[in-house]
Amino acid sequence: MTTENLPLDSFELQKALNYEYNDISLLNKALTHSSYSNELKLKHKERECNERLEFLGDAVLSAIVSEYLFKRFPESNEGELSSMRRAIVERASLAEFSREIDLGGYLYLGHGESYNGGRDLDSNLEDAFEALTAAVYLDGGRECAEAFVLPFVIKAADGF
């Protein structure tokens, strides 16, 4: 792997998140794209990709955002709240949240994915943000996940 394909130091990401992992393997898994994992499997090494964490992160994000909006907008009906939640958890919003913390720079990507601009691809950034949310949730619990997610959510909700 050449230097330009190496991700940034995850210690720096922990500082940016203001969160120190108890289980660093969760962070590494959250940052591992399937293209990197697949390349390692071809070399007879194992490194689980972030897809399972994405699944959980999607649900955790939805719950945190839903509760926040429910409390912040007590006069809004179900349809309005659903629209607001959808706007916050959509791909473009999550990709923008990722860009705010340079999450793409920390991703473990396969050669082709890296070469083709995968560090700034909305779908990769969205997936990584969801996986990172799940990793924080599993490592530190809901309070830690809320502390990570809410600053992004509050800023996004200010536009409603």
Protein backbone atom coordinates (compact mmCIF):
# COMPACT_ATOMS: atom_id res chain seq x y z
CA MET A 1 0.00 0.00 0.00
CA THR A 2 1.40 3.38 -0.93
CA THR A 3 1.43 6.29 1.48
CA GLU A 4 -1.43 8.13 -0.25
CA ASN A 5 -3.69 5.11 0.37
CA LEU A 6 -3.02 4.99 4.10
CA PRO A 7 -5.67 6.50 6.35
CA LEU A 8 -4.91 9.18 8.87
CA ASP A 9 -4.03 8.15 12.43
CA SER A 10 -7.17 7.06 14.30
CA PHE A 11 -5.77 8.66 17.48
CA GLU A 12 -6.34 12.03 15.81
CA LEU A 13 -9.92 11.04 15.02
CA GLN A 14 -10.53 10.14 18.65
CA LYS A 15 -9.29 13.61 19.63
CA ALA A 16 -11.57 15.22 17.03
CA LEU A 17 -14.53 13.21 18.35
CA ASN A 18 -13.60 14.01 21.93
CA TYR A 19 -14.10 10.31 22.59
CA GLU A 20 -11.51 7.72 23.53
CA TYR A 21 -12.42 4.13 22.69
CA ASN A 22 -12.19 1.41 25.29
CA ASP A 23 -12.20 -1.16 22.48
CA ILE A 24 -10.16 0.26 19.58
CA SER A 25 -11.18 -2.69 17.40
CA LEU A 26 -14.68 -1.17 17.17
CA LEU A 27 -13.22 2.03 15.75
CA ASN A 28 -11.04 0.09 13.31
CA LYS A 29 -14.04 -1.93 12.16
CA ALA A 30 -16.12 1.24 11.72
CA LEU A 31 -13.41 2.70 9.49
CA THR A 32 -12.94 -0.41 7.34
CA HIS A 33 -14.63 -0.30 3.92
CA SER A 34 -15.57 -3.60 2.33
CA SER A 35 -13.05 -3.03 -0.48
CA TYR A 36 -10.20 -3.05 2.06
CA SER A 37 -11.60 -6.07 3.88
CA ASN A 38 -11.97 -7.96 0.60
CA GLU A 39 -8.38 -7.21 -0.40
CA LEU A 40 -7.13 -8.52 2.94
CA LYS A 41 -9.18 -11.70 2.57
CA LEU A 42 -7.43 -12.32 -0.73
CA LYS A 43 -4.15 -12.09 1.19
CA HIS A 44 -5.45 -14.59 3.81
CA LYS A 45 -5.92 -12.02 6.55
CA GLU A 46 -9.20 -11.15 8.21
CA ARG A 47 -10.54 -7.70 8.94
CA GLU A 48 -14.26 -7.28 9.25
CA CYS A 49 -15.74 -4.38 7.31
CA ASN A 50 -18.14 -1.79 8.68
CA GLU A 51 -21.34 -3.07 7.05
CA ARG A 52 -22.84 -4.67 10.18
CA LEU A 53 -22.03 -1.55 12.18
CA GLU A 54 -23.78 0.55 9.51
CA PHE A 55 -26.95 -1.43 10.12
CA LEU A 56 -26.91 -0.74 13.85
CA GLY A 57 -25.74 2.84 13.40
CA ASP A 58 -28.69 3.59 11.15
CA ALA A 59 -31.08 2.52 13.91
CA VAL A 60 -29.17 4.34 16.66
CA LEU A 61 -29.08 7.54 14.61
CA SER A 62 -32.77 7.29 13.87
CA ALA A 63 -33.63 6.83 17.54
CA ILE A 64 -31.43 9.72 18.71
CA VAL A 65 -32.65 12.08 15.99
CA SER A 66 -36.30 11.08 16.53
CA GLU A 67 -36.14 11.71 20.27
CA TYR A 68 -34.36 15.02 19.82
CA LEU A 69 -36.87 16.29 17.25
CA PHE A 70 -39.81 15.01 19.30
CA LYS A 71 -38.64 17.07 22.29
CA ARG A 72 -37.46 20.14 20.39
CA PHE A 73 -40.56 20.54 18.21
CA PRO A 74 -43.52 19.70 20.50
CA GLU A 75 -46.03 21.37 18.18
CA SER A 76 -44.99 19.37 15.10
CA ASN A 77 -47.09 16.45 13.95
CA GLU A 78 -45.87 12.99 12.96
CA GLY A 79 -45.54 13.86 9.28
CA GLU A 80 -43.52 16.99 9.97
CA LEU A 81 -41.24 15.15 12.40
CA SER A 82 -40.72 12.34 9.89
CA SER A 83 -39.76 14.83 7.19
CA MET A 84 -37.28 16.54 9.50
CA ARG A 85 -35.76 13.22 10.55
CA ARG A 86 -35.47 12.09 6.94
CA ALA A 87 -33.66 15.33 6.05
CA ILE A 88 -31.16 14.84 8.86
CA VAL A 89 -30.39 11.15 8.29
CA GLU A 90 -30.31 11.27 4.49
CA ARG A 91 -27.09 10.42 2.65
CA ALA A 92 -26.10 14.02 1.85
CA SER A 93 -26.50 15.17 5.46
CA LEU A 94 -24.53 12.28 6.93
CA ALA A 95 -21.84 12.72 4.29
CA GLU A 96 -21.60 16.39 5.24
CA PHE A 97 -21.31 15.47 8.93
CA SER A 98 -18.47 13.13 7.95
CA ARG A 99 -16.71 15.88 6.04
CA GLU A 100 -16.86 18.14 9.11
CA ILE A 101 -14.61 15.68 10.96
CA ASP A 102 -12.64 14.59 7.86
CA LEU A 103 -13.92 11.04 8.36
CA GLY A 104 -12.99 10.08 4.79
CA GLY A 105 -9.36 10.65 5.62
CA TYR A 106 -9.50 7.90 8.26
CA LEU A 107 -11.13 5.20 6.13
CA TYR A 108 -9.38 1.98 5.25
CA LEU A 109 -10.12 1.59 1.55
CA GLY A 110 -9.00 -0.89 -1.07
CA HIS A 111 -6.63 0.34 -3.78
CA GLY A 112 -9.32 0.82 -6.43
CA GLU A 113 -11.75 2.54 -4.07
CA SER A 114 -9.03 4.89 -2.87
CA TYR A 115 -7.80 5.61 -6.39
CA ASN A 116 -11.34 6.41 -7.56
CA GLY A 117 -11.98 9.05 -4.88
CA GLY A 118 -13.69 6.83 -2.33
CA ARG A 119 -12.61 9.03 0.58
CA ASP A 120 -15.04 11.75 -0.59
CA LEU A 121 -17.84 9.59 -1.98
CA ASP A 122 -21.15 10.41 -0.26
CA SER A 123 -22.16 6.77 0.06
CA ASN A 124 -18.87 5.81 1.76
CA LEU A 125 -19.06 8.80 4.09
CA GLU A 126 -22.68 8.11 5.01
CA ASP A 127 -21.92 4.46 5.72
CA ALA A 128 -18.85 5.35 7.76
CA PHE A 129 -20.78 7.89 9.85
CA GLU A 130 -23.44 5.29 10.63
CA ALA A 131 -20.77 2.71 11.48
CA LEU A 132 -18.91 5.21 13.67
CA THR A 133 -22.13 6.01 15.51
CA ALA A 134 -22.69 2.31 16.19
CA ALA A 135 -19.08 1.87 17.32
CA VAL A 136 -19.44 4.69 19.84
CA TYR A 137 -22.78 3.26 20.96
CA LEU A 138 -21.36 -0.25 21.48
CA ASP A 139 -18.22 1.05 23.16
CA GLY A 140 -19.70 3.67 25.46
CA GLY A 141 -23.48 3.34 25.42
CA ARG A 142 -26.31 5.57 24.34
CA GLU A 143 -25.11 8.64 26.27
CA CYS A 144 -21.79 8.59 24.44
CA ALA A 145 -23.52 8.07 21.10
CA GLU A 146 -25.79 11.03 21.81
CA ALA A 147 -22.83 13.19 22.78
CA PHE A 148 -21.23 12.32 19.43
CA VAL A 149 -24.34 12.72 17.25
CA LEU A 150 -26.29 15.58 18.83
CA PRO A 151 -23.97 18.46 17.85
CA PHE A 152 -24.51 17.53 14.20
CA VAL A 153 -28.26 17.03 14.70
CA ILE A 154 -28.75 20.32 16.55
CA LYS A 155 -26.97 22.25 13.83
CA ALA A 156 -29.01 20.52 11.12
CA ALA A 157 -32.27 21.08 13.02
CA ASP A 158 -31.56 24.80 13.34
CA GLY A 159 -32.52 25.02 9.68
CA PHE A 160 -36.14 23.94 10.35
